[in-house]
Amino acid sequence: VTTHTGLTTASAASQVLTITNSVSTAGSAILCSLSSVGAEDAQCTIQKVVPGAGSFTVTYKNNGAASLASDLILTFFIIAA
């Protein structure tokens, strides 16, 4: 689990998170979910997960009517190949 603070992703905008994790490999299967803990209408959904050696990226889009103005929590599981 990672907590991302200070993000202000606008409505309809996308952003990329880079997560460093030594278990990750280019062939890993990575399962992810996102949750916003604020009251604003930020509906962040995952668009793409790209595994790499020692890290992976998660691209998400805010499909809500308001900008993200609270913490974003990324929960993930890595299944090493």
N, C-alpha and C. Protein backbone atom coordinates (compact mmCIF):
# COMPACT_ATOMS: atom_id res chain seq x y z
N VAL A 1 0.85 -1.18 0.00
CA VAL A 1 0.00 0.00 0.00
C VAL A 1 0.89 1.24 0.00
N THR A 2 0.53 2.21 -0.85
CA THR A 2 1.22 3.50 -0.84
C THR A 2 0.17 4.60 -0.70
N THR A 3 0.53 5.67 -0.01
CA THR A 3 -0.33 6.83 0.13
C THR A 3 0.33 8.01 -0.55
N HIS A 4 -0.40 8.64 -1.44
CA HIS A 4 0.12 9.77 -2.21
C HIS A 4 -0.61 11.03 -1.76
N THR A 5 0.16 11.99 -1.29
CA THR A 5 -0.42 13.24 -0.79
C THR A 5 0.00 14.39 -1.69
N GLY A 6 -0.78 15.45 -1.67
CA GLY A 6 -0.44 16.65 -2.43
C GLY A 6 -0.77 16.58 -3.90
N LEU A 7 -1.46 15.54 -4.34
CA LEU A 7 -1.85 15.45 -5.75
C LEU A 7 -3.09 16.33 -5.97
N THR A 8 -3.13 17.00 -7.11
CA THR A 8 -4.28 17.85 -7.45
C THR A 8 -4.72 17.55 -8.88
N THR A 9 -4.95 16.30 -9.16
CA THR A 9 -5.33 15.88 -10.50
C THR A 9 -6.70 16.44 -10.86
N ALA A 10 -6.74 17.25 -11.93
CA ALA A 10 -7.98 17.89 -12.34
C ALA A 10 -8.98 16.89 -12.90
N SER A 11 -10.22 17.29 -12.95
CA SER A 11 -11.25 16.47 -13.57
C SER A 11 -10.87 16.20 -15.03
N ALA A 12 -11.00 14.97 -15.46
CA ALA A 12 -10.69 14.49 -16.83
C ALA A 12 -9.19 14.41 -17.12
N ALA A 13 -8.35 14.68 -16.13
CA ALA A 13 -6.90 14.61 -16.33
C ALA A 13 -6.35 13.25 -15.91
N SER A 14 -5.20 12.91 -16.47
CA SER A 14 -4.51 11.66 -16.12
C SER A 14 -3.19 11.99 -15.45
N GLN A 15 -2.69 11.05 -14.68
CA GLN A 15 -1.40 11.22 -14.02
C GLN A 15 -0.75 9.85 -13.88
N VAL A 16 0.60 9.84 -13.85
CA VAL A 16 1.36 8.60 -13.72
C VAL A 16 2.03 8.57 -12.35
N LEU A 17 1.86 7.46 -11.65
CA LEU A 17 2.55 7.21 -10.38
C LEU A 17 3.65 6.19 -10.64
N THR A 18 4.84 6.43 -10.14
CA THR A 18 5.94 5.47 -10.24
C THR A 18 6.19 4.89 -8.86
N ILE A 19 6.12 3.57 -8.76
CA ILE A 19 6.28 2.88 -7.49
C ILE A 19 7.57 2.06 -7.55
N THR A 20 8.48 2.30 -6.64
CA THR A 20 9.72 1.53 -6.56
C THR A 20 9.50 0.35 -5.63
N ASN A 21 9.79 -0.85 -6.14
CA ASN A 21 9.62 -2.06 -5.34
C ASN A 21 10.54 -3.12 -5.90
N SER A 22 11.43 -3.64 -5.08
CA SER A 22 12.45 -4.58 -5.55
C SER A 22 11.87 -5.92 -6.01
N VAL A 23 10.64 -6.23 -5.65
CA VAL A 23 10.01 -7.49 -6.07
C VAL A 23 9.54 -7.42 -7.53
N SER A 24 9.29 -6.22 -8.01
CA SER A 24 8.77 -6.03 -9.35
C SER A 24 9.80 -6.41 -10.42
N THR A 25 9.34 -7.15 -11.43
CA THR A 25 10.16 -7.48 -12.60
C THR A 25 9.37 -7.10 -13.85
N ALA A 26 10.03 -7.09 -14.98
CA ALA A 26 9.36 -6.75 -16.23
C ALA A 26 8.25 -7.73 -16.57
N GLY A 27 8.32 -8.94 -16.05
CA GLY A 27 7.30 -9.95 -16.32
C GLY A 27 6.29 -10.14 -15.20
N SER A 28 6.31 -9.28 -14.20
CA SER A 28 5.40 -9.42 -13.06
C SER A 28 3.95 -9.15 -13.45
N ALA A 29 3.04 -9.84 -12.79
CA ALA A 29 1.62 -9.50 -12.85
C ALA A 29 1.34 -8.63 -11.63
N ILE A 30 0.77 -7.46 -11.86
CA ILE A 30 0.53 -6.52 -10.76
C ILE A 30 -0.95 -6.17 -10.72
N LEU A 31 -1.57 -6.44 -9.59
CA LEU A 31 -2.98 -6.13 -9.37
C LEU A 31 -3.06 -4.87 -8.52
N CYS A 32 -3.83 -3.87 -8.96
CA CYS A 32 -3.88 -2.58 -8.26
C CYS A 32 -5.31 -2.10 -8.08
N SER A 33 -5.50 -1.32 -7.02
CA SER A 33 -6.75 -0.58 -6.83
C SER A 33 -6.42 0.80 -6.27
N LEU A 34 -7.28 1.76 -6.53
CA LEU A 34 -7.10 3.13 -6.06
C LEU A 34 -8.30 3.55 -5.23
N SER A 35 -8.06 4.37 -4.22
CA SER A 35 -9.15 4.98 -3.48
C SER A 35 -8.76 6.37 -3.03
N SER A 36 -9.71 7.26 -3.12
CA SER A 36 -9.54 8.64 -2.66
C SER A 36 -10.27 8.77 -1.34
N VAL A 37 -9.62 9.38 -0.35
CA VAL A 37 -10.22 9.44 0.98
C VAL A 37 -10.97 10.74 1.24
N GLY A 38 -11.06 11.61 0.25
CA GLY A 38 -11.73 12.90 0.44
C GLY A 38 -13.20 12.87 0.09
N ALA A 39 -13.86 13.97 0.39
CA ALA A 39 -15.30 14.09 0.13
C ALA A 39 -15.58 14.63 -1.27
N GLU A 40 -14.55 15.14 -1.96
CA GLU A 40 -14.77 15.70 -3.29
C GLU A 40 -15.10 14.59 -4.29
N ASP A 41 -15.67 14.97 -5.42
CA ASP A 41 -16.07 14.00 -6.44
C ASP A 41 -14.90 13.71 -7.39
N ALA A 42 -13.83 13.16 -6.83
CA ALA A 42 -12.70 12.71 -7.64
C ALA A 42 -12.83 11.20 -7.79
N GLN A 43 -13.06 10.75 -9.00
CA GLN A 43 -13.29 9.32 -9.26
C GLN A 43 -12.10 8.78 -10.06
N CYS A 44 -11.05 8.44 -9.35
CA CYS A 44 -9.81 8.03 -9.99
C CYS A 44 -9.87 6.54 -10.36
N THR A 45 -9.64 6.27 -11.63
CA THR A 45 -9.65 4.89 -12.11
C THR A 45 -8.33 4.58 -12.80
N ILE A 46 -7.89 3.36 -12.65
CA ILE A 46 -6.63 2.92 -13.24
C ILE A 46 -6.83 2.68 -14.73
N GLN A 47 -5.91 3.23 -15.53
CA GLN A 47 -5.96 3.03 -16.97
C GLN A 47 -4.89 2.05 -17.45
N LYS A 48 -3.74 2.04 -16.76
CA LYS A 48 -2.63 1.24 -17.26
C LYS A 48 -1.65 0.95 -16.14
N VAL A 49 -1.12 -0.28 -16.11
CA VAL A 49 -0.07 -0.66 -15.17
C VAL A 49 1.07 -1.26 -16.01
N VAL A 50 2.27 -0.72 -15.83
CA VAL A 50 3.42 -1.21 -16.61
C VAL A 50 4.51 -1.68 -15.64
N PRO A 51 4.73 -3.01 -15.58
CA PRO A 51 5.77 -3.53 -14.70
C PRO A 51 7.15 -3.28 -15.27
N GLY A 52 8.13 -3.15 -14.39
CA GLY A 52 9.52 -2.99 -14.78
C GLY A 52 10.42 -3.62 -13.73
N ALA A 53 11.70 -3.65 -14.02
CA ALA A 53 12.67 -4.20 -13.08
C ALA A 53 12.89 -3.23 -11.93
N GLY A 54 12.40 -3.57 -10.75
CA GLY A 54 12.58 -2.74 -9.57
C GLY A 54 11.57 -1.64 -9.39
N SER A 55 10.62 -1.49 -10.31
CA SER A 55 9.58 -0.47 -10.19
C SER A 55 8.45 -0.78 -11.17
N PHE A 56 7.36 -0.05 -11.01
CA PHE A 56 6.27 -0.13 -11.98
C PHE A 56 5.54 1.21 -12.00
N THR A 57 4.83 1.46 -13.09
CA THR A 57 4.06 2.70 -13.19
C THR A 57 2.58 2.39 -13.26
N VAL A 58 1.80 3.29 -12.69
CA VAL A 58 0.34 3.19 -12.72
C VAL A 58 -0.18 4.51 -13.27
N THR A 59 -0.88 4.44 -14.40
CA THR A 59 -1.52 5.62 -14.97
C THR A 59 -2.98 5.59 -14.55
N TYR A 60 -3.45 6.71 -13.99
CA TYR A 60 -4.85 6.80 -13.60
C TYR A 60 -5.48 8.05 -14.18
N LYS A 61 -6.80 8.04 -14.26
CA LYS A 61 -7.56 9.19 -14.75
C LYS A 61 -8.62 9.57 -13.73
N ASN A 62 -8.80 10.86 -13.54
CA ASN A 62 -9.85 11.36 -12.66
C ASN A 62 -11.12 11.54 -13.50
N ASN A 63 -12.07 10.64 -13.35
CA ASN A 63 -13.33 10.69 -14.08
C ASN A 63 -14.42 11.45 -13.34
N GLY A 64 -14.07 12.04 -12.21
CA GLY A 64 -15.05 12.76 -11.41
C GLY A 64 -15.24 14.19 -11.87
N ALA A 65 -16.18 14.89 -11.23
CA ALA A 65 -16.51 16.27 -11.58
C ALA A 65 -15.58 17.28 -10.91
N ALA A 66 -14.80 16.84 -9.90
CA ALA A 66 -13.95 17.76 -9.15
C ALA A 66 -12.50 17.29 -9.18
N SER A 67 -11.60 18.22 -8.93
CA SER A 67 -10.18 17.89 -8.83
C SER A 67 -9.92 17.06 -7.58
N LEU A 68 -8.93 16.20 -7.67
CA LEU A 68 -8.49 15.44 -6.50
C LEU A 68 -7.87 16.42 -5.51
N ALA A 69 -8.33 16.40 -4.28
CA ALA A 69 -7.83 17.32 -3.27
C ALA A 69 -7.58 16.60 -1.95
N SER A 70 -7.37 15.30 -2.01
CA SER A 70 -7.15 14.52 -0.79
C SER A 70 -6.13 13.43 -1.10
N ASP A 71 -5.84 12.63 -0.10
CA ASP A 71 -4.89 11.53 -0.30
C ASP A 71 -5.44 10.50 -1.28
N LEU A 72 -4.53 9.93 -2.05
CA LEU A 72 -4.86 8.85 -2.96
C LEU A 72 -4.13 7.61 -2.45
N ILE A 73 -4.85 6.54 -2.23
CA ILE A 73 -4.25 5.32 -1.69
C ILE A 73 -4.22 4.27 -2.79
N LEU A 74 -3.02 3.77 -3.08
CA LEU A 74 -2.82 2.72 -4.07
C LEU A 74 -2.51 1.43 -3.33
N THR A 75 -3.34 0.43 -3.55
CA THR A 75 -3.12 -0.89 -2.97
C THR A 75 -2.70 -1.81 -4.10
N PHE A 76 -1.63 -2.58 -3.89
CA PHE A 76 -1.15 -3.44 -4.98
C PHE A 76 -0.62 -4.76 -4.47
N PHE A 77 -0.68 -5.75 -5.35
CA PHE A 77 -0.11 -7.06 -5.12
C PHE A 77 0.77 -7.36 -6.32
N ILE A 78 1.98 -7.85 -6.07
CA ILE A 78 2.89 -8.23 -7.16
C ILE A 78 3.03 -9.74 -7.16
N ILE A 79 2.76 -10.32 -8.31
CA ILE A 79 2.96 -11.74 -8.50
C ILE A 79 4.16 -11.88 -9.43
N ALA A 80 5.30 -12.24 -8.87
CA ALA A 80 6.55 -12.29 -9.63
C ALA A 80 6.51 -13.41 -10.65
N ALA A 81 7.05 -13.12 -11.82
CA ALA A 81 7.10 -14.12 -12.89
C ALA A 81 8.34 -14.97 -12.75
